Every structure is written in C-alpha cells, then in structure tokens.
Amino acid sequence: MTYEIEIDEAACAAHGDCEAIAPEAFEVDDVARVIGTAPDELVMEAAKACPSVAIRLVDASSGRQVYP
C-alpha cells in the first residue's frame, strides 16, 4: 500500500515531530509540508506522532482514508 499524505494547515502547529521522524517526507517551517516520500511505516509513525492530528493518510490505490 502507498499512502498519499495530506496536511491540514489550519490544524498544524509546526511542532516538527513529523520532520524529526521522517525528514525525507516532511519539512516544517510555519506549517508542515510534504517534500517527498518515505516508507509507509515511517509515514504512519510520523502521522501518529503529530500532536495536532494534522496529517491525514489516504491509500493511493483505493482513495480510502487510513489515518486518522
């Protein structure tokens, strides 16, 4: 499965946990933004670590939301 990563910019408080876990996928300035890809397990870990629950993961093949 491959995840599409979506950031809710209104919810993002720029804590930086996602970038610390998956720097190849996330960059944080005023808000987080997706800059690349990472293994699904790492992206899921980063999404779960977000204290603002600002990261949404969608199964790229089915379009089904898998997190949160």
PDB file of N, CA and C in Angstrom:
ATOM      1  N   MET A   1       0.858  -1.173   0.000  1.00  0.00           N
ATOM      2  CA  MET A   1       0.000   0.000   0.000  1.00  0.00           C
ATOM      3  C   MET A   1       0.903   1.234   0.000  1.00  0.00           C
ATOM      4  N   THR A   2       0.510   2.238  -0.717  1.00  0.00           N
ATOM      5  CA  THR A   2       1.234   3.507  -0.704  1.00  0.00           C
ATOM      6  C   THR A   2       0.285   4.584  -0.215  1.00  0.00           C
ATOM      7  N   TYR A   3       0.792   5.424   0.678  1.00  0.00           N
ATOM      8  CA  TYR A   3      -0.041   6.478   1.255  1.00  0.00           C
ATOM      9  C   TYR A   3       0.163   7.808   0.541  1.00  0.00           C
ATOM     10  N   GLU A   4      -0.945   8.493   0.315  1.00  0.00           N
ATOM     11  CA  GLU A   4      -0.894   9.899  -0.058  1.00  0.00           C
ATOM     12  C   GLU A   4      -0.959  10.667   1.255  1.00  0.00           C
ATOM     13  N   ILE A   5      -0.119  11.669   1.401  1.00  0.00           N
ATOM     14  CA  ILE A   5      -0.037  12.429   2.641  1.00  0.00           C
ATOM     15  C   ILE A   5      -0.696  13.783   2.436  1.00  0.00           C
ATOM     16  N   GLU A   6      -1.617  14.124   3.325  1.00  0.00           N
ATOM     17  CA  GLU A   6      -2.279  15.428   3.281  1.00  0.00           C
ATOM     18  C   GLU A   6      -2.065  16.123   4.616  1.00  0.00           C
ATOM     19  N   ILE A   7      -1.762  17.408   4.573  1.00  0.00           N
ATOM     20  CA  ILE A   7      -1.552  18.206   5.780  1.00  0.00           C
ATOM     21  C   ILE A   7      -2.705  19.183   5.935  1.00  0.00           C
ATOM     22  N   ASP A   8      -3.329  19.187   7.096  1.00  0.00           N
ATOM     23  CA  ASP A   8      -4.346  20.181   7.424  1.00  0.00           C
ATOM     24  C   ASP A   8      -3.593  21.389   7.982  1.00  0.00           C
ATOM     25  N   GLU A   9      -3.334  22.375   7.123  1.00  0.00           N
ATOM     26  CA  GLU A   9      -2.536  23.529   7.522  1.00  0.00           C
ATOM     27  C   GLU A   9      -3.176  24.322   8.655  1.00  0.00           C
ATOM     28  N   ALA A  10      -4.491  24.319   8.726  1.00  0.00           N
ATOM     29  CA  ALA A  10      -5.183  25.041   9.803  1.00  0.00           C
ATOM     30  C   ALA A  10      -4.960  24.363  11.149  1.00  0.00           C
ATOM     31  N   ALA A  11      -4.773  23.046  11.140  1.00  0.00           N
ATOM     32  CA  ALA A  11      -4.565  22.308  12.387  1.00  0.00           C
ATOM     33  C   ALA A  11      -3.092  22.236  12.784  1.00  0.00           C
ATOM     34  N   CYS A  12      -2.197  22.332  11.811  1.00  0.00           N
ATOM     35  CA  CYS A  12      -0.768  22.173  12.071  1.00  0.00           C
ATOM     36  C   CYS A  12      -0.245  23.304  12.954  1.00  0.00           C
ATOM     37  N   ALA A  13       0.435  22.905  14.034  1.00  0.00           N
ATOM     38  CA  ALA A  13       1.034  23.880  14.952  1.00  0.00           C
ATOM     39  C   ALA A  13       2.554  23.882  14.829  1.00  0.00           C
ATOM     40  N   ALA A  14       3.089  23.239  13.807  1.00  0.00           N
ATOM     41  CA  ALA A  14       4.523  23.230  13.497  1.00  0.00           C
ATOM     42  C   ALA A  14       5.376  22.700  14.645  1.00  0.00           C
ATOM     43  N   HIS A  15       4.905  21.644  15.295  1.00  0.00           N
ATOM     44  CA  HIS A  15       5.687  21.028  16.367  1.00  0.00           C
ATOM     45  C   HIS A  15       6.972  20.403  15.831  1.00  0.00           C
ATOM     46  N   GLY A  16       6.931  19.872  14.614  1.00  0.00           N
ATOM     47  CA  GLY A  16       8.116  19.304  13.989  1.00  0.00           C
ATOM     48  C   GLY A  16       8.331  17.831  14.238  1.00  0.00           C
ATOM     49  N   ASP A  17       7.414  17.171  14.926  1.00  0.00           N
ATOM     50  CA  ASP A  17       7.575  15.737  15.187  1.00  0.00           C
ATOM     51  C   ASP A  17       7.618  14.934  13.888  1.00  0.00           C
ATOM     52  N   CYS A  18       6.815  15.299  12.923  1.00  0.00           N
ATOM     53  CA  CYS A  18       6.790  14.572  11.652  1.00  0.00           C
ATOM     54  C   CYS A  18       8.145  14.669  10.943  1.00  0.00           C
ATOM     55  N   GLU A  19       8.725  15.850  10.940  1.00  0.00           N
ATOM     56  CA  GLU A  19      10.029  16.041  10.295  1.00  0.00           C
ATOM     57  C   GLU A  19      11.125  15.278  11.035  1.00  0.00           C
ATOM     58  N   ALA A  20      11.045  15.236  12.357  1.00  0.00           N
ATOM     59  CA  ALA A  20      12.045  14.501  13.141  1.00  0.00           C
ATOM     60  C   ALA A  20      11.995  13.008  12.833  1.00  0.00           C
ATOM     61  N   ILE A  21      10.803  12.482  12.585  1.00  0.00           N
ATOM     62  CA  ILE A  21      10.637  11.044  12.320  1.00  0.00           C
ATOM     63  C   ILE A  21      10.903  10.710  10.855  1.00  0.00           C
ATOM     64  N   ALA A  22      10.424  11.540   9.940  1.00  0.00           N
ATOM     65  CA  ALA A  22      10.557  11.251   8.506  1.00  0.00           C
ATOM     66  C   ALA A  22      11.005  12.506   7.746  1.00  0.00           C
ATOM     67  N   PRO A  23      12.263  12.913   7.923  1.00  0.00           N
ATOM     68  CA  PRO A  23      12.732  14.150   7.279  1.00  0.00           C
ATOM     69  C   PRO A  23      12.736  14.089   5.757  1.00  0.00           C
ATOM     70  N   GLU A  24      12.729  12.889   5.198  1.00  0.00           N
ATOM     71  CA  GLU A  24      12.673  12.771   3.747  1.00  0.00           C
ATOM     72  C   GLU A  24      11.270  13.038   3.202  1.00  0.00           C
ATOM     73  N   ALA A  25      10.266  13.018   4.079  1.00  0.00           N
ATOM     74  CA  ALA A  25       8.881  13.223   3.651  1.00  0.00           C
ATOM     75  C   ALA A  25       8.310  14.569   4.080  1.00  0.00           C
ATOM     76  N   PHE A  26       8.801  15.120   5.211  1.00  0.00           N
ATOM     77  CA  PHE A  26       8.211  16.337   5.772  1.00  0.00           C
ATOM     78  C   PHE A  26       9.261  17.414   6.009  1.00  0.00           C
ATOM     79  N   GLU A  27       8.813  18.653   5.863  1.00  0.00           N
ATOM     80  CA  GLU A  27       9.618  19.816   6.233  1.00  0.00           C
ATOM     81  C   GLU A  27       8.685  20.758   6.995  1.00  0.00           C
ATOM     82  N   VAL A  28       9.186  21.332   8.070  1.00  0.00           N
ATOM     83  CA  VAL A  28       8.346  22.200   8.893  1.00  0.00           C
ATOM     84  C   VAL A  28       8.972  23.588   8.987  1.00  0.00           C
ATOM     85  N   ASP A  29       8.204  24.586   8.602  1.00  0.00           N
ATOM     86  CA  ASP A  29       8.546  25.989   8.830  1.00  0.00           C
ATOM     87  C   ASP A  29       7.402  26.540   9.669  1.00  0.00           C
ATOM     88  N   ASP A  30       6.554  27.376   9.077  1.00  0.00           N
ATOM     89  CA  ASP A  30       5.364  27.857   9.783  1.00  0.00           C
ATOM     90  C   ASP A  30       4.338  26.746   9.936  1.00  0.00           C
ATOM     91  N   VAL A  31       4.293  25.861   8.961  1.00  0.00           N
ATOM     92  CA  VAL A  31       3.464  24.652   8.990  1.00  0.00           C
ATOM     93  C   VAL A  31       4.249  23.535   8.327  1.00  0.00           C
ATOM     94  N   ALA A  32       3.794  22.316   8.526  1.00  0.00           N
ATOM     95  CA  ALA A  32       4.431  21.172   7.866  1.00  0.00           C
ATOM     96  C   ALA A  32       4.025  21.143   6.409  1.00  0.00           C
ATOM     97  N   ARG A  33       4.926  20.625   5.597  1.00  0.00           N
ATOM     98  CA  ARG A  33       4.583  20.395   4.197  1.00  0.00           C
ATOM     99  C   ARG A  33       5.264  19.117   3.747  1.00  0.00           C
ATOM    100  N   VAL A  34       4.661  18.475   2.773  1.00  0.00           N
ATOM    101  CA  VAL A  34       5.180  17.235   2.226  1.00  0.00           C
ATOM    102  C   VAL A  34       6.229  17.593   1.182  1.00  0.00           C
ATOM    103  N   ILE A  35       7.439  17.016   1.335  1.00  0.00           N
ATOM    104  CA  ILE A  35       8.523  17.316   0.389  1.00  0.00           C
ATOM    105  C   ILE A  35       8.994  16.081  -0.361  1.00  0.00           C
ATOM    106  N   GLY A  36       8.492  14.914   0.024  1.00  0.00           N
ATOM    107  CA  GLY A  36       8.928  13.685  -0.633  1.00  0.00           C
ATOM    108  C   GLY A  36       8.167  12.493  -0.108  1.00  0.00           C
ATOM    109  N   THR A  37       8.807  11.339  -0.201  1.00  0.00           N
ATOM    110  CA  THR A  37       8.166  10.110   0.236  1.00  0.00           C
ATOM    111  C   THR A  37       9.045   9.405   1.265  1.00  0.00           C
ATOM    112  N   ALA A  38       8.451   8.466   1.928  1.00  0.00           N
ATOM    113  CA  ALA A  38       9.138   7.620   2.902  1.00  0.00           C
ATOM    114  C   ALA A  38       8.357   6.312   2.972  1.00  0.00           C
ATOM    115  N   PRO A  39       8.951   5.286   3.547  1.00  0.00           N
ATOM    116  CA  PRO A  39       8.208   4.027   3.698  1.00  0.00           C
ATOM    117  C   PRO A  39       6.909   4.255   4.479  1.00  0.00           C
ATOM    118  N   ASP A  40       5.878   3.499   4.102  1.00  0.00           N
ATOM    119  CA  ASP A  40       4.562   3.657   4.726  1.00  0.00           C
ATOM    120  C   ASP A  40       4.621   3.578   6.248  1.00  0.00           C
ATOM    121  N   GLU A  41       5.433   2.657   6.778  1.00  0.00           N
ATOM    122  CA  GLU A  41       5.512   2.502   8.234  1.00  0.00           C
ATOM    123  C   GLU A  41       6.024   3.775   8.898  1.00  0.00           C
ATOM    124  N   LEU A  42       7.000   4.422   8.256  1.00  0.00           N
ATOM    125  CA  LEU A  42       7.575   5.641   8.799  1.00  0.00           C
ATOM    126  C   LEU A  42       6.583   6.803   8.702  1.00  0.00           C
ATOM    127  N   VAL A  43       5.874   6.882   7.588  1.00  0.00           N
ATOM    128  CA  VAL A  43       4.869   7.933   7.413  1.00  0.00           C
ATOM    129  C   VAL A  43       3.748   7.772   8.438  1.00  0.00           C
ATOM    130  N   MET A  44       3.331   6.532   8.685  1.00  0.00           N
ATOM    131  CA  MET A  44       2.300   6.277   9.685  1.00  0.00           C
ATOM    132  C   MET A  44       2.796   6.684  11.071  1.00  0.00           C
ATOM    133  N   GLU A  45       4.032   6.353  11.396  1.00  0.00           N
ATOM    134  CA  GLU A  45       4.609   6.728  12.688  1.00  0.00           C
ATOM    135  C   GLU A  45       4.625   8.248  12.846  1.00  0.00           C
ATOM    136  N   ALA A  46       4.996   8.949  11.789  1.00  0.00           N
ATOM    137  CA  ALA A  46       5.021  10.412  11.832  1.00  0.00           C
ATOM    138  C   ALA A  46       3.619  10.982  12.011  1.00  0.00           C
ATOM    139  N   ALA A  47       2.648  10.422  11.315  1.00  0.00           N
ATOM    140  CA  ALA A  47       1.267  10.898  11.442  1.00  0.00           C
ATOM    141  C   ALA A  47       0.748  10.690  12.858  1.00  0.00           C
ATOM    142  N   LYS A  48       1.036   9.523  13.430  1.00  0.00           N
ATOM    143  CA  LYS A  48       0.576   9.232  14.788  1.00  0.00           C
ATOM    144  C   LYS A  48       1.276  10.089  15.831  1.00  0.00           C
ATOM    145  N   ALA A  49       2.481  10.561  15.524  1.00  0.00           N
ATOM    146  CA  ALA A  49       3.232  11.392  16.465  1.00  0.00           C
ATOM    147  C   ALA A  49       2.777  12.843  16.455  1.00  0.00           C
ATOM    148  N   CYS A  50       2.010  13.240  15.463  1.00  0.00           N
ATOM    149  CA  CYS A  50       1.574  14.637  15.354  1.00  0.00           C
ATOM    150  C   CYS A  50       0.592  14.976  16.475  1.00  0.00           C
ATOM    151  N   PRO A  51       0.973  15.880  17.392  1.00  0.00           N
ATOM    152  CA  PRO A  51       0.082  16.217  18.500  1.00  0.00           C
ATOM    153  C   PRO A  51      -1.183  16.965  18.056  1.00  0.00           C
ATOM    154  N   SER A  52      -1.137  17.553  16.863  1.00  0.00           N
ATOM    155  CA  SER A  52      -2.294  18.302  16.350  1.00  0.00           C
ATOM    156  C   SER A  52      -3.199  17.459  15.462  1.00  0.00           C
ATOM    157  N   VAL A  53      -2.807  16.220  15.204  1.00  0.00           N
ATOM    158  CA  VAL A  53      -3.526  15.329  14.284  1.00  0.00           C
ATOM    159  C   VAL A  53      -3.782  16.052  12.953  1.00  0.00           C
ATOM    160  N   ALA A  54      -2.718  16.657  12.446  1.00  0.00           N
ATOM    161  CA  ALA A  54      -2.822  17.450  11.220  1.00  0.00           C
ATOM    162  C   ALA A  54      -2.446  16.670   9.966  1.00  0.00           C
ATOM    163  N   ILE A  55      -2.025  15.419  10.132  1.00  0.00           N
ATOM    164  CA  ILE A  55      -1.602  14.607   8.990  1.00  0.00           C
ATOM    165  C   ILE A  55      -2.657  13.550   8.714  1.00  0.00           C
ATOM    166  N   ARG A  56      -3.129  13.545   7.469  1.00  0.00           N
ATOM    167  CA  ARG A  56      -4.111  12.549   7.045  1.00  0.00           C
ATOM    168  C   ARG A  56      -3.449  11.673   5.997  1.00  0.00           C
ATOM    169  N   LEU A  57      -3.620  10.373   6.129  1.00  0.00           N
ATOM    170  CA  LEU A  57      -3.064   9.424   5.176  1.00  0.00           C
ATOM    171  C   LEU A  57      -4.188   8.743   4.423  1.00  0.00           C
ATOM    172  N   VAL A  58      -4.021   8.659   3.110  1.00  0.00           N
ATOM    173  CA  VAL A  58      -5.021   8.066   2.226  1.00  0.00           C
ATOM    174  C   VAL A  58      -4.338   6.987   1.402  1.00  0.00           C
ATOM    175  N   ASP A  59      -4.980   5.838   1.279  1.00  0.00           N
ATOM    176  CA  ASP A  59      -4.474   4.759   0.434  1.00  0.00           C
ATOM    177  C   ASP A  59      -4.522   5.254  -1.010  1.00  0.00           C
ATOM    178  N   ALA A  60      -3.363   5.331  -1.647  1.00  0.00           N
ATOM    179  CA  ALA A  60      -3.284   5.886  -3.001  1.00  0.00           C
ATOM    180  C   ALA A  60      -4.060   5.079  -4.025  1.00  0.00           C
ATOM    181  N   SER A  61      -4.179   3.784  -3.832  1.00  0.00           N
ATOM    182  CA  SER A  61      -4.874   2.980  -4.837  1.00  0.00           C
ATOM    183  C   SER A  61      -6.388   2.973  -4.666  1.00  0.00           C
ATOM    184  N   SER A  62      -6.867   3.025  -3.434  1.00  0.00           N
ATOM    185  CA  SER A  62      -8.319   2.944  -3.215  1.00  0.00           C
ATOM    186  C   SER A  62      -8.958   4.294  -2.894  1.00  0.00           C
ATOM    187  N   GLY A  63      -8.147   5.263  -2.453  1.00  0.00           N
ATOM    188  CA  GLY A  63      -8.693   6.556  -2.037  1.00  0.00           C
ATOM    189  C   GLY A  63      -9.272   6.531  -0.643  1.00  0.00           C
ATOM    190  N   ARG A  64      -9.145   5.396   0.054  1.00  0.00           N
ATOM    191  CA  ARG A  64      -9.685   5.244   1.400  1.00  0.00           C
ATOM    192  C   ARG A  64      -8.756   5.886   2.422  1.00  0.00           C
ATOM    193  N   GLN A  65      -9.337   6.675   3.311  1.00  0.00           N
ATOM    194  CA  GLN A  65      -8.557   7.283   4.380  1.00  0.00           C
ATOM    195  C   GLN A  65      -8.143   6.188   5.357  1.00  0.00           C
ATOM    196  N   VAL A  66      -6.861   6.126   5.694  1.00  0.00           N
ATOM    197  CA  VAL A  66      -6.370   5.110   6.609  1.00  0.00           C
ATOM    198  C   VAL A  66      -5.927   5.692   7.948  1.00  0.00           C
ATOM    199  N   TYR A  67      -5.702   7.002   7.997  1.00  0.00           N
ATOM    200  CA  TYR A  67      -5.370   7.661   9.271  1.00  0.00           C
ATOM    201  C   TYR A  67      -5.750   9.122   9.161  1.00  0.00           C
ATOM    202  N   PRO A  68      -6.290   9.773  10.154  1.00  0.00           N
ATOM    203  CA  PRO A  68      -6.751   9.204  11.400  1.00  0.00           C
ATOM    204  C   PRO A  68      -8.077   8.499  11.216  1.00  0.00           C
TER     205      PRO A  68
END
